[in-house]
């Protein structure tokens, strides 16, 4: 990705999502942790969860794909962490996290959690 340090963070996040979609057209791209919570500082890293269809991802080498993804979104002035899951893996992890938070809270209230605080960026 080209250097975009002068661009607002929203534009940079959108540009990352576009670059990811070029490599995985059917990807769901989520922002999580501090940026998703609105608690990011100037030195906070960008955490992205990328969810790809099961069959599509099963036919790819994940390490090569992650390297390509990272190369597409890397920016010299931002730390970027990428997590790549198949749709079923993401659903399973979300269900486990939901069950754990329900048990801990004793109710169906959703609390801030890695899998539950995700914002889906939809590209149209």
C-alpha atoms as a PDB file:
ATOM      1  CA  UNK A   1       0.000   0.000   0.000  1.00  0.00           C
ATOM      2  CA  UNK A   2       1.294   3.451  -0.722  1.00  0.00           C
ATOM      3  CA  UNK A   3       2.251   5.831   2.016  1.00  0.00           C
ATOM      4  CA  UNK A   4      -0.851   7.551   3.347  1.00  0.00           C
ATOM      5  CA  UNK A   5       0.316   9.157   6.581  1.00  0.00           C
ATOM      6  CA  UNK A   6      -1.371  12.486   5.789  1.00  0.00           C
ATOM      7  CA  UNK A   7      -4.778  10.855   5.266  1.00  0.00           C
ATOM      8  CA  UNK A   8      -7.320  10.655   8.114  1.00  0.00           C
ATOM      9  CA  UNK A   9      -7.506   7.286   9.847  1.00  0.00           C
ATOM     10  CA  UNK A  10     -10.959   6.544   8.409  1.00  0.00           C
ATOM     11  CA  UNK A  11      -9.591   6.878   4.877  1.00  0.00           C
ATOM     12  CA  UNK A  12      -6.644   4.688   5.745  1.00  0.00           C
ATOM     13  CA  UNK A  13      -8.890   1.992   7.238  1.00  0.00           C
ATOM     14  CA  UNK A  14     -11.092   2.111   4.158  1.00  0.00           C
ATOM     15  CA  UNK A  15      -8.018   1.826   1.919  1.00  0.00           C
ATOM     16  CA  UNK A  16      -6.897  -1.243   3.868  1.00  0.00           C
ATOM     17  CA  UNK A  17     -10.318  -2.818   3.427  1.00  0.00           C
ATOM     18  CA  UNK A  18     -10.210  -2.168  -0.321  1.00  0.00           C
ATOM     19  CA  UNK A  19      -6.732  -3.740  -0.553  1.00  0.00           C
ATOM     20  CA  UNK A  20      -7.907  -6.782   1.406  1.00  0.00           C
ATOM     21  CA  UNK A  21     -10.951  -7.171  -0.841  1.00  0.00           C
ATOM     22  CA  UNK A  22      -8.685  -7.201  -3.894  1.00  0.00           C
ATOM     23  CA  UNK A  23      -7.046 -10.339  -2.491  1.00  0.00           C
ATOM     24  CA  UNK A  24     -10.175 -11.895  -0.933  1.00  0.00           C
ATOM     25  CA  UNK A  25     -13.235 -10.601  -2.824  1.00  0.00           C
ATOM     26  CA  UNK A  26     -15.803 -12.130  -0.444  1.00  0.00           C
ATOM     27  CA  UNK A  27     -13.991 -11.141   2.758  1.00  0.00           C
ATOM     28  CA  UNK A  28     -15.670  -9.626   5.769  1.00  0.00           C
ATOM     29  CA  UNK A  29     -13.265  -7.149   7.312  1.00  0.00           C
ATOM     30  CA  UNK A  30     -13.624  -6.195  10.939  1.00  0.00           C
ATOM     31  CA  UNK A  31     -11.868  -3.721  13.143  1.00  0.00           C
ATOM     32  CA  UNK A  32     -11.327  -4.748  16.753  1.00  0.00           C
ATOM     33  CA  UNK A  33      -9.657  -3.775  20.001  1.00  0.00           C
ATOM     34  CA  UNK A  34      -8.798  -0.139  20.722  1.00  0.00           C
ATOM     35  CA  UNK A  35      -9.811   1.392  17.365  1.00  0.00           C
ATOM     36  CA  UNK A  36     -13.172  -0.407  17.437  1.00  0.00           C
ATOM     37  CA  UNK A  37     -13.812   0.706  21.015  1.00  0.00           C
ATOM     38  CA  UNK A  38     -12.883   4.299  20.245  1.00  0.00           C
ATOM     39  CA  UNK A  39     -10.037   4.078  22.753  1.00  0.00           C
ATOM     40  CA  UNK A  40      -7.079   4.198  20.353  1.00  0.00           C
ATOM     41  CA  UNK A  41      -4.119   6.441  21.021  1.00  0.00           C
ATOM     42  CA  UNK A  42      -1.827   7.931  18.397  1.00  0.00           C
ATOM     43  CA  UNK A  43       0.523   4.943  18.808  1.00  0.00           C
ATOM     44  CA  UNK A  44      -2.159   2.204  18.878  1.00  0.00           C
ATOM     45  CA  UNK A  45      -1.903  -0.554  16.327  1.00  0.00           C
ATOM     46  CA  UNK A  46      -4.671  -1.366  13.859  1.00  0.00           C
ATOM     47  CA  UNK A  47      -6.231  -4.783  14.517  1.00  0.00           C
ATOM     48  CA  UNK A  48      -8.174  -6.313  11.605  1.00  0.00           C
ATOM     49  CA  UNK A  49     -10.072  -9.593  11.576  1.00  0.00           C
ATOM     50  CA  UNK A  50     -10.526 -10.940   8.065  1.00  0.00           C
ATOM     51  CA  UNK A  51     -13.135 -13.634   7.548  1.00  0.00           C
ATOM     52  CA  UNK A  52     -13.122 -15.589   4.286  1.00  0.00           C
ATOM     53  CA  UNK A  53     -15.529 -18.235   2.992  1.00  0.00           C
ATOM     54  CA  UNK A  54     -14.539 -21.708   4.195  1.00  0.00           C
ATOM     55  CA  UNK A  55     -14.091 -23.353   0.782  1.00  0.00           C
ATOM     56  CA  UNK A  56     -12.187 -20.387  -0.630  1.00  0.00           C
ATOM     57  CA  UNK A  57      -9.787 -20.259   2.303  1.00  0.00           C
ATOM     58  CA  UNK A  58      -9.307 -24.045   2.391  1.00  0.00           C
ATOM     59  CA  UNK A  59      -7.902 -23.899  -1.139  1.00  0.00           C
ATOM     60  CA  UNK A  60      -5.224 -21.348  -0.182  1.00  0.00           C
ATOM     61  CA  UNK A  61      -1.985 -21.426   1.777  1.00  0.00           C
ATOM     62  CA  UNK A  62      -2.807 -19.213   4.784  1.00  0.00           C
ATOM     63  CA  UNK A  63       0.787 -18.184   5.433  1.00  0.00           C
ATOM     64  CA  UNK A  64       1.267 -16.999   1.861  1.00  0.00           C
ATOM     65  CA  UNK A  65      -2.114 -15.274   1.916  1.00  0.00           C
ATOM     66  CA  UNK A  66      -1.344 -13.511   5.206  1.00  0.00           C
ATOM     67  CA  UNK A  67       1.991 -12.337   3.812  1.00  0.00           C
ATOM     68  CA  UNK A  68       0.215 -10.973   0.728  1.00  0.00           C
ATOM     69  CA  UNK A  69      -2.440  -9.312   2.898  1.00  0.00           C
ATOM     70  CA  UNK A  70       0.117  -7.742   5.181  1.00  0.00           C
ATOM     71  CA  UNK A  71       2.062  -6.458   2.192  1.00  0.00           C
ATOM     72  CA  UNK A  72      -1.122  -4.907   0.831  1.00  0.00           C
ATOM     73  CA  UNK A  73      -2.008  -3.024   4.029  1.00  0.00           C
ATOM     74  CA  UNK A  74       1.380  -2.223   5.572  1.00  0.00           C
ATOM     75  CA  UNK A  75       2.139   1.424   6.220  1.00  0.00           C
ATOM     76  CA  UNK A  76       5.408   2.697   7.625  1.00  0.00           C
ATOM     77  CA  UNK A  77       3.799   4.829  10.325  1.00  0.00           C
ATOM     78  CA  UNK A  78       1.093   2.369  11.484  1.00  0.00           C
ATOM     79  CA  UNK A  79       1.382  -1.012  13.121  1.00  0.00           C
ATOM     80  CA  UNK A  80      -1.125  -3.414  11.575  1.00  0.00           C
ATOM     81  CA  UNK A  81      -2.122  -6.790  13.029  1.00  0.00           C
ATOM     82  CA  UNK A  82      -4.118  -9.157  10.845  1.00  0.00           C
ATOM     83  CA  UNK A  83      -6.123 -12.181  11.983  1.00  0.00           C
ATOM     84  CA  UNK A  84      -7.453 -14.491   9.267  1.00  0.00           C
ATOM     85  CA  UNK A  85     -10.269 -16.984   9.920  1.00  0.00           C
ATOM     86  CA  UNK A  86     -12.694 -18.962   7.823  1.00  0.00           C
ATOM     87  CA  UNK A  87     -16.365 -18.065   8.257  1.00  0.00           C
ATOM     88  CA  UNK A  88     -17.002 -21.194  10.325  1.00  0.00           C
ATOM     89  CA  UNK A  89     -13.946 -20.544  12.538  1.00  0.00           C
ATOM     90  CA  UNK A  90     -15.098 -16.998  13.217  1.00  0.00           C
ATOM     91  CA  UNK A  91     -18.636 -18.163  14.021  1.00  0.00           C
ATOM     92  CA  UNK A  92     -17.335 -20.880  16.341  1.00  0.00           C
ATOM     93  CA  UNK A  93     -15.046 -18.460  18.176  1.00  0.00           C
ATOM     94  CA  UNK A  94     -17.836 -15.894  18.497  1.00  0.00           C
ATOM     95  CA  UNK A  95     -20.158 -18.543  19.946  1.00  0.00           C
ATOM     96  CA  UNK A  96     -17.493 -19.636  22.439  1.00  0.00           C
ATOM     97  CA  UNK A  97     -16.876 -16.023  23.447  1.00  0.00           C
ATOM     98  CA  UNK A  98     -20.602 -15.369  23.767  1.00  0.00           C
ATOM     99  CA  UNK A  99     -21.041 -18.467  25.930  1.00  0.00           C
ATOM    100  CA  UNK A 100     -18.148 -17.431  28.141  1.00  0.00           C
ATOM    101  CA  UNK A 101     -19.492 -13.914  28.620  1.00  0.00           C
ATOM    102  CA  UNK A 102     -23.010 -15.195  29.294  1.00  0.00           C
ATOM    103  CA  UNK A 103     -21.661 -17.548  31.935  1.00  0.00           C
ATOM    104  CA  UNK A 104     -19.470 -14.900  33.511  1.00  0.00           C
ATOM    105  CA  UNK A 105     -22.160 -12.226  33.513  1.00  0.00           C
ATOM    106  CA  UNK A 106     -25.032 -14.535  34.379  1.00  0.00           C
ATOM    107  CA  UNK A 107     -27.224 -13.027  31.659  1.00  0.00           C
ATOM    108  CA  UNK A 108     -27.507 -12.505  27.920  1.00  0.00           C
ATOM    109  CA  UNK A 109     -25.901  -9.094  28.125  1.00  0.00           C
ATOM    110  CA  UNK A 110     -23.126  -8.664  25.624  1.00  0.00           C
ATOM    111  CA  UNK A 111     -19.979  -7.284  27.149  1.00  0.00           C
ATOM    112  CA  UNK A 112     -16.955  -5.936  25.355  1.00  0.00           C
ATOM    113  CA  UNK A 113     -15.057  -8.955  24.108  1.00  0.00           C
ATOM    114  CA  UNK A 114     -12.596  -9.672  21.329  1.00  0.00           C
ATOM    115  CA  UNK A 115     -15.171 -11.403  19.146  1.00  0.00           C
ATOM    116  CA  UNK A 116     -18.175  -9.325  20.177  1.00  0.00           C
ATOM    117  CA  UNK A 117     -16.872  -5.799  19.694  1.00  0.00           C
ATOM    118  CA  UNK A 118     -16.200  -6.197  15.993  1.00  0.00           C
ATOM    119  CA  UNK A 119     -17.445  -3.686  13.486  1.00  0.00           C
ATOM    120  CA  UNK A 120     -18.097  -4.987   9.979  1.00  0.00           C
ATOM    121  CA  UNK A 121     -16.953  -2.704   7.205  1.00  0.00           C
ATOM    122  CA  UNK A 122     -19.105  -3.342   4.181  1.00  0.00           C
ATOM    123  CA  UNK A 123     -17.699  -2.394   0.818  1.00  0.00           C
ATOM    124  CA  UNK A 124     -20.194  -1.714  -1.914  1.00  0.00           C
END
